[in-house]
């Protein structure tokens, strides 16, 4: 049962990450180099630092809210390996 819940969470995380990546070309136009909170296929908020974005994600969606916290950078840019998802509810 726990494995089934984990599989479901992983699928949701992957789906939200794909939605973020699909939106990236548009996000780059206005938010290049900034950190965003992305949830439900939409931009929620924009921040100067990863910490600010993470705090905003947790404050708005909670620790199980399912938001992506990521830098808005070209896929070819050297980027910190810090894109994270504030976990989805099981």
N, C-alpha and C. Protein backbone atom coordinates (compact mmCIF):
# COMPACT_ATOMS: atom_id res chain seq x y z
N UNK A 1 0.83 -1.20 0.00
CA UNK A 1 0.00 0.00 0.00
C UNK A 1 0.87 1.26 0.00
N UNK A 2 1.91 1.29 0.83
CA UNK A 2 2.79 2.44 0.88
C UNK A 2 3.50 2.63 -0.46
N UNK A 3 3.88 1.53 -1.10
CA UNK A 3 4.54 1.62 -2.40
C UNK A 3 3.59 2.20 -3.45
N UNK A 4 2.32 1.83 -3.40
CA UNK A 4 1.34 2.36 -4.33
C UNK A 4 1.20 3.86 -4.15
N UNK A 5 1.15 4.34 -2.92
CA UNK A 5 1.06 5.77 -2.65
C UNK A 5 2.30 6.49 -3.16
N UNK A 6 3.48 5.89 -2.95
CA UNK A 6 4.72 6.49 -3.41
C UNK A 6 4.74 6.57 -4.93
N UNK A 7 4.29 5.52 -5.60
CA UNK A 7 4.23 5.53 -7.06
C UNK A 7 3.32 6.65 -7.56
N UNK A 8 2.19 6.85 -6.90
CA UNK A 8 1.26 7.91 -7.27
C UNK A 8 1.91 9.28 -7.08
N UNK A 9 2.60 9.48 -5.98
CA UNK A 9 3.29 10.74 -5.71
C UNK A 9 4.35 10.99 -6.77
N UNK A 10 5.12 9.96 -7.09
CA UNK A 10 6.17 10.11 -8.10
C UNK A 10 5.58 10.50 -9.45
N UNK A 11 4.46 9.91 -9.82
CA UNK A 11 3.81 10.27 -11.09
C UNK A 11 3.36 11.73 -11.08
N UNK A 12 2.79 12.17 -9.97
CA UNK A 12 2.35 13.56 -9.86
C UNK A 12 3.53 14.54 -9.91
N UNK A 13 4.61 14.18 -9.22
CA UNK A 13 5.81 15.02 -9.24
C UNK A 13 6.34 15.12 -10.67
N UNK A 14 6.42 14.01 -11.35
CA UNK A 14 6.91 14.00 -12.73
C UNK A 14 5.99 14.82 -13.63
N UNK A 15 4.68 14.68 -13.47
CA UNK A 15 3.73 15.44 -14.28
C UNK A 15 3.88 16.94 -14.04
N UNK A 16 4.01 17.36 -12.79
CA UNK A 16 4.16 18.79 -12.50
C UNK A 16 5.48 19.31 -13.03
N UNK A 17 6.52 18.51 -12.96
CA UNK A 17 7.81 18.91 -13.51
C UNK A 17 7.70 19.09 -15.02
N UNK A 18 7.00 18.20 -15.70
CA UNK A 18 6.80 18.33 -17.15
C UNK A 18 6.00 19.58 -17.47
N UNK A 19 5.00 19.90 -16.66
CA UNK A 19 4.21 21.12 -16.90
C UNK A 19 5.10 22.35 -16.74
N UNK A 20 5.98 22.35 -15.74
CA UNK A 20 6.92 23.46 -15.55
C UNK A 20 7.83 23.58 -16.77
N UNK A 21 8.40 22.47 -17.20
CA UNK A 21 9.31 22.49 -18.35
C UNK A 21 8.60 22.97 -19.62
N UNK A 22 7.35 22.61 -19.78
CA UNK A 22 6.58 23.07 -20.95
C UNK A 22 6.36 24.59 -20.90
N UNK A 23 6.22 25.12 -19.70
CA UNK A 23 5.99 26.56 -19.53
C UNK A 23 7.28 27.37 -19.57
N UNK A 24 8.41 26.71 -19.49
CA UNK A 24 9.69 27.39 -19.38
C UNK A 24 9.96 28.42 -20.48
N UNK A 25 9.70 28.14 -21.74
CA UNK A 25 9.97 29.17 -22.76
C UNK A 25 9.24 30.49 -22.49
N UNK A 26 8.00 30.43 -22.04
CA UNK A 26 7.26 31.65 -21.70
C UNK A 26 7.81 32.29 -20.42
N UNK A 27 8.13 31.48 -19.44
CA UNK A 27 8.67 32.01 -18.18
C UNK A 27 9.99 32.73 -18.40
N UNK A 28 10.80 32.22 -19.31
CA UNK A 28 12.10 32.83 -19.59
C UNK A 28 11.97 34.27 -20.09
N UNK A 29 10.89 34.58 -20.76
CA UNK A 29 10.70 35.93 -21.30
C UNK A 29 10.69 37.00 -20.20
N UNK A 30 10.09 36.69 -19.08
CA UNK A 30 9.92 37.70 -18.02
C UNK A 30 10.67 37.40 -16.72
N UNK A 31 11.05 36.14 -16.51
CA UNK A 31 11.55 35.76 -15.18
C UNK A 31 12.92 35.09 -15.20
N UNK A 32 13.66 35.21 -16.28
CA UNK A 32 14.97 34.59 -16.41
C UNK A 32 15.85 34.91 -15.19
N UNK A 33 16.44 33.86 -14.62
CA UNK A 33 17.35 34.03 -13.49
C UNK A 33 16.67 34.13 -12.13
N UNK A 34 15.37 34.12 -12.11
CA UNK A 34 14.65 34.21 -10.83
C UNK A 34 14.12 32.84 -10.46
N UNK A 35 13.66 32.73 -9.25
CA UNK A 35 13.08 31.47 -8.74
C UNK A 35 11.58 31.58 -8.75
N UNK A 36 10.91 30.50 -9.12
CA UNK A 36 9.46 30.51 -9.17
C UNK A 36 8.86 29.37 -8.37
N UNK A 37 7.62 29.60 -7.97
CA UNK A 37 6.78 28.55 -7.40
C UNK A 37 5.74 28.26 -8.48
N UNK A 38 5.68 27.01 -8.91
CA UNK A 38 4.83 26.58 -10.01
C UNK A 38 3.98 25.43 -9.50
N UNK A 39 2.68 25.56 -9.63
CA UNK A 39 1.79 24.51 -9.09
C UNK A 39 0.54 24.44 -9.92
N UNK A 40 0.07 23.24 -10.17
CA UNK A 40 -1.15 23.07 -10.94
C UNK A 40 -1.02 23.55 -12.37
N UNK A 41 0.19 23.51 -12.91
CA UNK A 41 0.42 23.94 -14.28
C UNK A 41 0.46 25.45 -14.45
N UNK A 42 0.58 26.19 -13.34
CA UNK A 42 0.56 27.65 -13.42
C UNK A 42 1.62 28.27 -12.51
N UNK A 43 2.08 29.44 -12.93
CA UNK A 43 3.01 30.22 -12.11
C UNK A 43 2.27 30.76 -10.91
N UNK A 44 2.81 30.51 -9.73
CA UNK A 44 2.18 31.03 -8.51
C UNK A 44 2.87 32.29 -8.03
N UNK A 45 4.22 32.27 -7.96
CA UNK A 45 4.94 33.44 -7.48
C UNK A 45 6.37 33.42 -7.98
N UNK A 46 7.03 34.60 -7.93
CA UNK A 46 8.38 34.79 -8.44
C UNK A 46 9.24 35.38 -7.33
N UNK A 47 10.48 34.88 -7.20
CA UNK A 47 11.35 35.27 -6.09
C UNK A 47 12.79 35.43 -6.54
N UNK A 48 13.56 36.16 -5.74
CA UNK A 48 14.97 36.37 -6.03
C UNK A 48 15.83 35.19 -5.61
N UNK A 49 15.41 34.45 -4.57
CA UNK A 49 16.23 33.35 -4.06
C UNK A 49 15.41 32.08 -3.92
N UNK A 50 16.13 30.97 -3.89
CA UNK A 50 15.50 29.68 -3.69
C UNK A 50 14.80 29.63 -2.33
N UNK A 51 15.46 30.15 -1.30
CA UNK A 51 14.86 30.14 0.04
C UNK A 51 13.53 30.88 0.07
N UNK A 52 13.49 32.06 -0.56
CA UNK A 52 12.24 32.82 -0.59
C UNK A 52 11.14 32.04 -1.31
N UNK A 53 11.49 31.40 -2.41
CA UNK A 53 10.51 30.63 -3.17
C UNK A 53 10.01 29.44 -2.36
N UNK A 54 10.92 28.75 -1.70
CA UNK A 54 10.53 27.58 -0.92
C UNK A 54 9.59 27.99 0.22
N UNK A 55 9.94 29.06 0.93
CA UNK A 55 9.09 29.53 2.03
C UNK A 55 7.71 29.90 1.50
N UNK A 56 7.65 30.60 0.37
CA UNK A 56 6.36 30.97 -0.21
C UNK A 56 5.54 29.74 -0.58
N UNK A 57 6.19 28.73 -1.13
CA UNK A 57 5.49 27.50 -1.51
C UNK A 57 4.89 26.82 -0.29
N UNK A 58 5.67 26.71 0.76
CA UNK A 58 5.19 26.05 1.98
C UNK A 58 4.09 26.87 2.63
N UNK A 59 4.27 28.20 2.67
CA UNK A 59 3.25 29.05 3.30
C UNK A 59 1.92 28.97 2.54
N UNK A 60 1.98 28.93 1.23
CA UNK A 60 0.73 28.94 0.46
C UNK A 60 0.13 27.55 0.27
N UNK A 61 0.97 26.56 -0.02
CA UNK A 61 0.47 25.23 -0.35
C UNK A 61 0.69 24.19 0.74
N UNK A 62 1.48 24.52 1.76
CA UNK A 62 1.81 23.55 2.79
C UNK A 62 2.91 22.61 2.32
N UNK A 63 3.38 21.79 3.23
CA UNK A 63 4.50 20.90 2.91
C UNK A 63 4.08 19.76 1.98
N UNK A 64 2.80 19.54 1.83
CA UNK A 64 2.34 18.49 0.91
C UNK A 64 1.58 19.08 -0.27
N UNK A 65 1.87 20.33 -0.59
CA UNK A 65 1.10 21.03 -1.62
C UNK A 65 1.39 20.70 -3.05
N UNK A 66 2.53 20.08 -3.34
CA UNK A 66 2.82 19.66 -4.70
C UNK A 66 3.34 20.72 -5.63
N UNK A 67 3.97 21.76 -5.10
CA UNK A 67 4.48 22.81 -5.98
C UNK A 67 5.93 22.57 -6.37
N UNK A 68 6.27 22.99 -7.57
CA UNK A 68 7.65 22.95 -8.04
C UNK A 68 8.29 24.28 -7.67
N UNK A 69 9.47 24.21 -7.07
CA UNK A 69 10.29 25.39 -6.77
C UNK A 69 11.53 25.25 -7.64
N UNK A 70 11.70 26.20 -8.59
CA UNK A 70 12.77 26.02 -9.57
C UNK A 70 13.30 27.36 -10.08
N UNK A 71 14.55 27.36 -10.52
CA UNK A 71 15.09 28.56 -11.17
C UNK A 71 14.61 28.60 -12.62
N UNK A 72 14.40 29.80 -13.12
CA UNK A 72 14.00 29.97 -14.51
C UNK A 72 15.27 30.22 -15.31
N UNK A 73 15.78 29.15 -15.91
CA UNK A 73 17.03 29.19 -16.67
C UNK A 73 16.87 28.37 -17.94
N UNK A 74 17.65 28.73 -18.96
CA UNK A 74 17.68 27.91 -20.17
C UNK A 74 18.10 26.50 -19.80
N UNK A 75 17.57 25.53 -20.51
CA UNK A 75 17.93 24.14 -20.23
C UNK A 75 19.42 23.89 -20.42
N UNK A 76 20.08 24.67 -21.28
CA UNK A 76 21.50 24.50 -21.53
C UNK A 76 22.37 25.24 -20.52
N UNK A 77 21.78 26.08 -19.69
CA UNK A 77 22.55 26.85 -18.71
C UNK A 77 23.06 25.95 -17.61
N UNK A 78 24.29 26.22 -17.14
CA UNK A 78 24.71 25.49 -15.94
C UNK A 78 23.83 25.96 -14.80
N UNK A 79 23.17 25.03 -14.17
CA UNK A 79 22.20 25.39 -13.14
C UNK A 79 22.46 24.60 -11.88
N UNK A 80 22.11 25.18 -10.76
CA UNK A 80 22.21 24.39 -9.53
C UNK A 80 21.23 23.24 -9.60
N UNK A 81 21.60 22.14 -9.05
CA UNK A 81 20.73 20.96 -9.04
C UNK A 81 19.80 21.05 -7.84
N UNK A 82 18.96 22.08 -7.85
CA UNK A 82 18.15 22.34 -6.67
C UNK A 82 16.66 22.45 -6.95
N UNK A 83 16.24 22.17 -8.18
CA UNK A 83 14.81 22.17 -8.43
C UNK A 83 14.16 21.16 -7.50
N UNK A 84 13.12 21.57 -6.82
CA UNK A 84 12.50 20.66 -5.87
C UNK A 84 10.98 20.74 -6.00
N UNK A 85 10.38 19.72 -5.48
CA UNK A 85 8.92 19.69 -5.42
C UNK A 85 8.55 19.55 -3.97
N UNK A 86 7.71 20.47 -3.52
CA UNK A 86 7.16 20.35 -2.18
C UNK A 86 6.09 19.27 -2.32
N UNK A 87 6.24 18.18 -1.62
CA UNK A 87 5.57 16.91 -1.92
C UNK A 87 4.07 16.99 -2.07
N UNK A 88 3.55 16.05 -2.84
CA UNK A 88 2.12 15.91 -3.05
C UNK A 88 1.51 15.10 -1.93
N UNK A 89 0.25 15.36 -1.61
CA UNK A 89 -0.41 14.54 -0.60
C UNK A 89 -0.57 13.11 -1.11
N UNK A 90 -0.54 12.16 -0.19
CA UNK A 90 -0.70 10.76 -0.61
C UNK A 90 -2.14 10.36 -0.64
